[in-house]
Amino acid sequence: MRLLSRYQMVSLLEGRLPSNKLKLVMAWIEIHRDELMADWELASKGENPYKIDPLK
């Protein structure tokens, strides 16, 4: 599974996920959006990203 998040939009690029699972992933992304964006900035500078709590 591959997801793309760009400019506040998330799309499933490859693979399949049952809709109920996809909704959970999308909710997790929304909850952690700021952390994900901060990690993206770090990673794009070659720095190590912080750990983000997994989906529970």
PDB file of N, CA and C in Angstrom:
ATOM      1  N   MET A   1       0.850  -1.166   0.000  1.00  0.00           N
ATOM      2  CA  MET A   1       0.000   0.000   0.000  1.00  0.00           C
ATOM      3  C   MET A   1       0.893   1.225   0.000  1.00  0.00           C
ATOM      4  N   ARG A   2       0.538   2.207  -0.826  1.00  0.00           N
ATOM      5  CA  ARG A   2       1.243   3.484  -0.846  1.00  0.00           C
ATOM      6  C   ARG A   2       0.223   4.590  -0.750  1.00  0.00           C
ATOM      7  N   LEU A   3       0.514   5.561   0.098  1.00  0.00           N
ATOM      8  CA  LEU A   3      -0.357   6.720   0.247  1.00  0.00           C
ATOM      9  C   LEU A   3       0.413   7.968  -0.138  1.00  0.00           C
ATOM     10  N   LEU A   4      -0.277   8.925  -0.700  1.00  0.00           N
ATOM     11  CA  LEU A   4       0.321  10.199  -1.040  1.00  0.00           C
ATOM     12  C   LEU A   4      -0.420  11.284  -0.286  1.00  0.00           C
ATOM     13  N   SER A   5       0.317  12.122   0.398  1.00  0.00           N
ATOM     14  CA  SER A   5      -0.278  13.261   1.088  1.00  0.00           C
ATOM     15  C   SER A   5       0.380  14.520   0.550  1.00  0.00           C
ATOM     16  N   ARG A   6      -0.390  15.350  -0.077  1.00  0.00           N
ATOM     17  CA  ARG A   6       0.158  16.574  -0.642  1.00  0.00           C
ATOM     18  C   ARG A   6      -0.882  17.679  -0.486  1.00  0.00           C
ATOM     19  N   TYR A   7      -0.469  18.776   0.106  1.00  0.00           N
ATOM     20  CA  TYR A   7      -1.351  19.918   0.264  1.00  0.00           C
ATOM     21  C   TYR A   7      -2.675  19.538   0.918  1.00  0.00           C
ATOM     22  N   GLN A   8      -2.586  18.829   2.012  1.00  0.00           N
ATOM     23  CA  GLN A   8      -3.741  18.450   2.811  1.00  0.00           C
ATOM     24  C   GLN A   8      -4.639  17.420   2.139  1.00  0.00           C
ATOM     25  N   MET A   9      -4.170  16.790   1.063  1.00  0.00           N
ATOM     26  CA  MET A   9      -4.961  15.763   0.397  1.00  0.00           C
ATOM     27  C   MET A   9      -4.224  14.427   0.492  1.00  0.00           C
ATOM     28  N   VAL A  10      -4.928  13.379   0.778  1.00  0.00           N
ATOM     29  CA  VAL A  10      -4.328  12.050   0.881  1.00  0.00           C
ATOM     30  C   VAL A  10      -5.015  11.147  -0.131  1.00  0.00           C
ATOM     31  N   SER A  11      -4.201  10.405  -0.882  1.00  0.00           N
ATOM     32  CA  SER A  11      -4.737   9.493  -1.885  1.00  0.00           C
ATOM     33  C   SER A  11      -4.029   8.153  -1.767  1.00  0.00           C
ATOM     34  N   LEU A  12      -4.763   7.093  -1.975  1.00  0.00           N
ATOM     35  CA  LEU A  12      -4.196   5.754  -2.043  1.00  0.00           C
ATOM     36  C   LEU A  12      -3.628   5.588  -3.447  1.00  0.00           C
ATOM     37  N   LEU A  13      -2.316   5.413  -3.542  1.00  0.00           N
ATOM     38  CA  LEU A  13      -1.664   5.331  -4.846  1.00  0.00           C
ATOM     39  C   LEU A  13      -1.598   3.920  -5.396  1.00  0.00           C
ATOM     40  N   GLU A  14      -1.458   2.960  -4.508  1.00  0.00           N
ATOM     41  CA  GLU A  14      -1.215   1.600  -4.965  1.00  0.00           C
ATOM     42  C   GLU A  14      -1.759   0.624  -3.936  1.00  0.00           C
ATOM     43  N   GLY A  15      -2.274  -0.464  -4.387  1.00  0.00           N
ATOM     44  CA  GLY A  15      -2.772  -1.498  -3.486  1.00  0.00           C
ATOM     45  C   GLY A  15      -4.228  -1.277  -3.113  1.00  0.00           C
ATOM     46  N   ARG A  16      -4.697  -2.149  -2.246  1.00  0.00           N
ATOM     47  CA  ARG A  16      -6.091  -2.082  -1.802  1.00  0.00           C
ATOM     48  C   ARG A  16      -6.153  -2.150  -0.293  1.00  0.00           C
ATOM     49  N   LEU A  17      -7.179  -1.533   0.237  1.00  0.00           N
ATOM     50  CA  LEU A  17      -7.421  -1.558   1.674  1.00  0.00           C
ATOM     51  C   LEU A  17      -8.927  -1.541   1.854  1.00  0.00           C
ATOM     52  N   PRO A  18      -9.455  -2.436   2.674  1.00  0.00           N
ATOM     53  CA  PRO A  18     -10.900  -2.410   2.916  1.00  0.00           C
ATOM     54  C   PRO A  18     -11.324  -1.021   3.416  1.00  0.00           C
ATOM     55  N   SER A  19     -12.495  -0.596   3.034  1.00  0.00           N
ATOM     56  CA  SER A  19     -12.926   0.771   3.344  1.00  0.00           C
ATOM     57  C   SER A  19     -12.906   1.075   4.833  1.00  0.00           C
ATOM     58  N   ASN A  20     -13.261   0.100   5.685  1.00  0.00           N
ATOM     59  CA  ASN A  20     -13.237   0.377   7.121  1.00  0.00           C
ATOM     60  C   ASN A  20     -11.810   0.595   7.623  1.00  0.00           C
ATOM     61  N   LYS A  21     -10.845  -0.113   7.056  1.00  0.00           N
ATOM     62  CA  LYS A  21      -9.439   0.077   7.430  1.00  0.00           C
ATOM     63  C   LYS A  21      -8.907   1.387   6.878  1.00  0.00           C
ATOM     64  N   LEU A  22      -9.305   1.723   5.655  1.00  0.00           N
ATOM     65  CA  LEU A  22      -8.877   2.979   5.056  1.00  0.00           C
ATOM     66  C   LEU A  22      -9.386   4.155   5.886  1.00  0.00           C
ATOM     67  N   LYS A  23     -10.602   4.064   6.389  1.00  0.00           N
ATOM     68  CA  LYS A  23     -11.142   5.130   7.239  1.00  0.00           C
ATOM     69  C   LYS A  23     -10.312   5.295   8.511  1.00  0.00           C
ATOM     70  N   LEU A  24      -9.855   4.181   9.078  1.00  0.00           N
ATOM     71  CA  LEU A  24      -9.000   4.258  10.266  1.00  0.00           C
ATOM     72  C   LEU A  24      -7.671   4.945   9.953  1.00  0.00           C
ATOM     73  N   VAL A  25      -7.078   4.582   8.812  1.00  0.00           N
ATOM     74  CA  VAL A  25      -5.814   5.198   8.404  1.00  0.00           C
ATOM     75  C   VAL A  25      -6.010   6.694   8.164  1.00  0.00           C
ATOM     76  N   MET A  26      -7.079   7.054   7.489  1.00  0.00           N
ATOM     77  CA  MET A  26      -7.349   8.466   7.213  1.00  0.00           C
ATOM     78  C   MET A  26      -7.562   9.243   8.512  1.00  0.00           C
ATOM     79  N   ALA A  27      -8.243   8.645   9.483  1.00  0.00           N
ATOM     80  CA  ALA A  27      -8.448   9.293  10.777  1.00  0.00           C
ATOM     81  C   ALA A  27      -7.107   9.480  11.483  1.00  0.00           C
ATOM     82  N   TRP A  28      -6.241   8.452  11.425  1.00  0.00           N
ATOM     83  CA  TRP A  28      -4.918   8.554  12.035  1.00  0.00           C
ATOM     84  C   TRP A  28      -4.117   9.691  11.394  1.00  0.00           C
ATOM     85  N   ILE A  29      -4.178   9.779  10.073  1.00  0.00           N
ATOM     86  CA  ILE A  29      -3.473  10.858   9.363  1.00  0.00           C
ATOM     87  C   ILE A  29      -3.983  12.216   9.823  1.00  0.00           C
ATOM     88  N   GLU A  30      -5.275  12.362   9.944  1.00  0.00           N
ATOM     89  CA  GLU A  30      -5.855  13.633  10.374  1.00  0.00           C
ATOM     90  C   GLU A  30      -5.398  13.989  11.789  1.00  0.00           C
ATOM     91  N   ILE A  31      -5.396  13.011  12.676  1.00  0.00           N
ATOM     92  CA  ILE A  31      -4.975  13.240  14.065  1.00  0.00           C
ATOM     93  C   ILE A  31      -3.502  13.647  14.137  1.00  0.00           C
ATOM     94  N   HIS A  32      -2.675  13.052  13.279  1.00  0.00           N
ATOM     95  CA  HIS A  32      -1.230  13.270  13.330  1.00  0.00           C
ATOM     96  C   HIS A  32      -0.703  14.150  12.198  1.00  0.00           C
ATOM     97  N   ARG A  33      -1.585  14.892  11.545  1.00  0.00           N
ATOM     98  CA  ARG A  33      -1.184  15.688  10.376  1.00  0.00           C
ATOM     99  C   ARG A  33      -0.007  16.612  10.671  1.00  0.00           C
ATOM    100  N   ASP A  34      -0.048  17.337  11.781  1.00  0.00           N
ATOM    101  CA  ASP A  34       1.045  18.266  12.101  1.00  0.00           C
ATOM    102  C   ASP A  34       2.358  17.528  12.325  1.00  0.00           C
ATOM    103  N   GLU A  35       2.293  16.398  13.022  1.00  0.00           N
ATOM    104  CA  GLU A  35       3.489  15.593  13.255  1.00  0.00           C
ATOM    105  C   GLU A  35       4.035  15.042  11.936  1.00  0.00           C
ATOM    106  N   LEU A  36       3.148  14.607  11.062  1.00  0.00           N
ATOM    107  CA  LEU A  36       3.572  14.076   9.767  1.00  0.00           C
ATOM    108  C   LEU A  36       4.257  15.156   8.930  1.00  0.00           C
ATOM    109  N   MET A  37       3.697  16.342   8.940  1.00  0.00           N
ATOM    110  CA  MET A  37       4.296  17.435   8.171  1.00  0.00           C
ATOM    111  C   MET A  37       5.658  17.830   8.749  1.00  0.00           C
ATOM    112  N   ALA A  38       5.766  17.865  10.082  1.00  0.00           N
ATOM    113  CA  ALA A  38       7.050  18.185  10.713  1.00  0.00           C
ATOM    114  C   ALA A  38       8.088  17.117  10.369  1.00  0.00           C
ATOM    115  N   ASP A  39       7.688  15.849  10.412  1.00  0.00           N
ATOM    116  CA  ASP A  39       8.600  14.770  10.058  1.00  0.00           C
ATOM    117  C   ASP A  39       9.007  14.843   8.596  1.00  0.00           C
ATOM    118  N   TRP A  40       8.085  15.229   7.737  1.00  0.00           N
ATOM    119  CA  TRP A  40       8.413  15.369   6.317  1.00  0.00           C
ATOM    120  C   TRP A  40       9.488  16.437   6.129  1.00  0.00           C
ATOM    121  N   GLU A  41       9.343  17.550   6.838  1.00  0.00           N
ATOM    122  CA  GLU A  41      10.338  18.621   6.751  1.00  0.00           C
ATOM    123  C   GLU A  41      11.701  18.126   7.225  1.00  0.00           C
ATOM    124  N   LEU A  42      11.735  17.419   8.346  1.00  0.00           N
ATOM    125  CA  LEU A  42      12.996  16.876   8.851  1.00  0.00           C
ATOM    126  C   LEU A  42      13.617  15.911   7.843  1.00  0.00           C
ATOM    127  N   ALA A  43      12.822  14.976   7.357  1.00  0.00           N
ATOM    128  CA  ALA A  43      13.325  13.968   6.422  1.00  0.00           C
ATOM    129  C   ALA A  43      13.825  14.611   5.122  1.00  0.00           C
ATOM    130  N   SER A  44      13.146  15.641   4.661  1.00  0.00           N
ATOM    131  CA  SER A  44      13.562  16.293   3.414  1.00  0.00           C
ATOM    132  C   SER A  44      14.892  17.031   3.579  1.00  0.00           C
ATOM    133  N   LYS A  45      15.277  17.321   4.839  1.00  0.00           N
ATOM    134  CA  LYS A  45      16.566  17.949   5.126  1.00  0.00           C
ATOM    135  C   LYS A  45      17.633  16.915   5.482  1.00  0.00           C
ATOM    136  N   GLY A  46      17.264  15.630   5.386  1.00  0.00           N
ATOM    137  CA  GLY A  46      18.204  14.573   5.702  1.00  0.00           C
ATOM    138  C   GLY A  46      18.312  14.259   7.188  1.00  0.00           C
ATOM    139  N   GLU A  47      17.399  14.829   7.972  1.00  0.00           N
ATOM    140  CA  GLU A  47      17.398  14.588   9.409  1.00  0.00           C
ATOM    141  C   GLU A  47      16.461  13.429   9.739  1.00  0.00           C
ATOM    142  N   ASN A  48      16.670  12.835  10.901  1.00  0.00           N
ATOM    143  CA  ASN A  48      15.804  11.732  11.324  1.00  0.00           C
ATOM    144  C   ASN A  48      14.455  12.252  11.809  1.00  0.00           C
ATOM    145  N   PRO A  49      13.377  11.661  11.330  1.00  0.00           N
ATOM    146  CA  PRO A  49      12.043  12.068  11.807  1.00  0.00           C
ATOM    147  C   PRO A  49      11.781  11.531  13.199  1.00  0.00           C
ATOM    148  N   TYR A  50      10.866  12.179  13.885  1.00  0.00           N
ATOM    149  CA  TYR A  50      10.425  11.713  15.202  1.00  0.00           C
ATOM    150  C   TYR A  50       9.483  10.536  15.031  1.00  0.00           C
ATOM    151  N   LYS A  51       9.374   9.711  16.056  1.00  0.00           N
ATOM    152  CA  LYS A  51       8.415   8.610  16.021  1.00  0.00           C
ATOM    153  C   LYS A  51       7.018   9.167  16.271  1.00  0.00           C
ATOM    154  N   ILE A  52       6.065   8.608  15.571  1.00  0.00           N
ATOM    155  CA  ILE A  52       4.661   8.986  15.730  1.00  0.00           C
ATOM    156  C   ILE A  52       3.923   7.757  16.259  1.00  0.00           C
ATOM    157  N   ASP A  53       3.066   7.962  17.247  1.00  0.00           N
ATOM    158  CA  ASP A  53       2.312   6.858  17.809  1.00  0.00           C
ATOM    159  C   ASP A  53       1.551   6.107  16.714  1.00  0.00           C
ATOM    160  N   PRO A  54       1.592   4.787  16.748  1.00  0.00           N
ATOM    161  CA  PRO A  54       0.891   3.988  15.736  1.00  0.00           C
ATOM    162  C   PRO A  54      -0.620   4.027  15.952  1.00  0.00           C
ATOM    163  N   LEU A  55      -1.303   3.544  14.957  1.00  0.00           N
ATOM    164  CA  LEU A  55      -2.755   3.389  15.029  1.00  0.00           C
ATOM    165  C   LEU A  55      -3.086   2.361  16.101  1.00  0.00           C
ATOM    166  N   LYS A  56      -3.991   2.696  16.982  1.00  0.00           N
ATOM    167  CA  LYS A  56      -4.337   1.776  18.082  1.00  0.00           C
ATOM    168  C   LYS A  56      -5.745   1.282  17.942  1.00  0.00           C
TER     169      LYS A  56
END
